[in-house]
């Protein structure tokens, strides 16, 4: 379907059977944000907060794994750093799926 300018829209092609590599260490998106993006570039959470408009307290919650990266945060992060909004959302989805799957497995073992 063409967009308003007449050019075809670029969409991500997803495989319906797509899965994640379970051998890769599961880390929260906040841990990845802090350790793979901020620290190597010597960026502080305060700097990121000023650039994105996301509060320092919210960013701290994200980096501690206490808060999820939603679409709004993903867009704001992508405006400041290289990864795309989809990158942040896929990291969050992968983490959420693995966490819920592990919780379900633990519940099954206890019942």
Protein backbone atom coordinates (compact mmCIF):
# COMPACT_ATOMS: atom_id res chain seq x y z
CA UNK A 1 0.00 0.00 0.00
CA UNK A 2 1.56 3.35 -0.97
CA UNK A 3 1.98 6.07 1.63
CA UNK A 4 0.71 9.64 1.13
CA UNK A 5 3.72 10.54 -1.02
CA UNK A 6 3.06 7.67 -3.41
CA UNK A 7 6.05 5.50 -2.48
CA UNK A 8 5.58 1.95 -1.19
CA UNK A 9 5.70 1.55 2.57
CA UNK A 10 8.64 -0.34 4.00
CA UNK A 11 7.50 -3.02 6.40
CA UNK A 12 9.42 -5.50 8.46
CA UNK A 13 8.85 -8.97 7.09
CA UNK A 14 8.16 -11.32 9.97
CA UNK A 15 8.18 -15.07 9.81
CA UNK A 16 5.10 -16.46 11.62
CA UNK A 17 7.32 -19.16 13.14
CA UNK A 18 9.99 -16.70 14.24
CA UNK A 19 11.54 -17.51 17.60
CA UNK A 20 14.41 -16.29 19.72
CA UNK A 21 17.70 -18.05 20.32
CA UNK A 22 17.35 -19.54 23.80
CA UNK A 23 21.14 -19.93 24.10
CA UNK A 24 21.60 -16.16 24.24
CA UNK A 25 21.82 -14.83 27.79
CA UNK A 26 18.56 -13.12 28.72
CA UNK A 27 19.10 -9.54 29.85
CA UNK A 28 16.52 -6.86 30.43
CA UNK A 29 16.29 -4.06 27.86
CA UNK A 30 17.27 -1.66 30.64
CA UNK A 31 20.47 -3.62 31.31
CA UNK A 32 21.27 -3.50 27.60
CA UNK A 33 20.53 0.23 27.50
CA UNK A 34 22.84 0.90 30.43
CA UNK A 35 25.71 -1.51 29.76
CA UNK A 36 25.76 -1.70 25.96
CA UNK A 37 24.78 1.83 25.00
CA UNK A 38 25.25 4.37 27.80
CA UNK A 39 28.37 3.22 29.64
CA UNK A 40 30.53 2.48 26.56
CA UNK A 41 29.79 5.99 25.30
CA UNK A 42 30.23 7.53 28.77
CA UNK A 43 26.66 8.86 28.66
CA UNK A 44 24.84 9.38 31.93
CA UNK A 45 21.21 8.69 32.69
CA UNK A 46 20.80 12.42 33.39
CA UNK A 47 22.16 13.26 29.93
CA UNK A 48 19.80 10.74 28.31
CA UNK A 49 16.89 12.15 30.29
CA UNK A 50 17.62 15.67 29.05
CA UNK A 51 17.91 14.49 25.45
CA UNK A 52 14.83 12.22 25.42
CA UNK A 53 12.45 13.99 27.78
CA UNK A 54 12.13 10.75 29.78
CA UNK A 55 12.55 11.52 33.47
CA UNK A 56 15.68 10.42 35.31
CA UNK A 57 13.59 8.36 37.73
CA UNK A 58 11.83 6.56 34.87
CA UNK A 59 15.15 5.81 33.14
CA UNK A 60 16.57 4.47 36.41
CA UNK A 61 13.53 2.20 36.76
CA UNK A 62 14.07 0.98 33.19
CA UNK A 63 17.77 0.29 33.76
CA UNK A 64 16.96 -1.64 36.96
CA UNK A 65 14.36 -3.73 35.10
CA UNK A 66 11.51 -2.28 37.16
CA UNK A 67 9.80 -0.63 34.21
CA UNK A 68 9.19 -1.72 30.64
CA UNK A 69 10.25 0.09 27.47
CA UNK A 70 7.01 1.02 25.74
CA UNK A 71 6.50 2.43 22.24
CA UNK A 72 6.81 6.05 23.41
CA UNK A 73 10.12 5.37 25.18
CA UNK A 74 11.38 3.37 22.18
CA UNK A 75 10.71 6.31 19.86
CA UNK A 76 12.42 8.74 22.22
CA UNK A 77 15.47 6.51 22.66
CA UNK A 78 15.78 6.04 18.90
CA UNK A 79 15.87 9.81 18.39
CA UNK A 80 19.01 10.02 20.51
CA UNK A 81 20.83 6.74 19.87
CA UNK A 82 21.48 4.48 16.87
CA UNK A 83 19.11 1.58 17.60
CA UNK A 84 15.66 1.85 16.02
CA UNK A 85 12.38 1.91 17.98
CA UNK A 86 11.76 -1.66 16.76
CA UNK A 87 15.07 -2.77 18.33
CA UNK A 88 13.94 -1.59 21.76
CA UNK A 89 10.47 -3.08 21.41
CA UNK A 90 11.80 -6.46 20.24
CA UNK A 91 14.21 -6.54 23.19
CA UNK A 92 11.30 -5.84 25.53
CA UNK A 93 9.05 -8.43 23.87
CA UNK A 94 11.79 -11.08 24.03
CA UNK A 95 12.40 -10.34 27.71
CA UNK A 96 8.67 -10.37 28.53
CA UNK A 97 8.10 -13.67 26.71
CA UNK A 98 11.03 -15.36 28.40
CA UNK A 99 10.05 -14.03 31.83
CA UNK A 100 6.42 -15.15 31.53
CA UNK A 101 7.49 -18.51 30.11
CA UNK A 102 9.85 -19.08 33.04
CA UNK A 103 7.13 -18.10 35.53
CA UNK A 104 4.68 -20.51 33.91
CA UNK A 105 7.24 -23.29 34.03
CA UNK A 106 7.90 -22.62 37.72
CA UNK A 107 4.15 -22.70 38.47
CA UNK A 108 3.75 -26.02 36.65
CA UNK A 109 6.59 -27.59 38.64
CA UNK A 110 5.03 -26.53 41.97
CA UNK A 111 1.54 -27.83 41.20
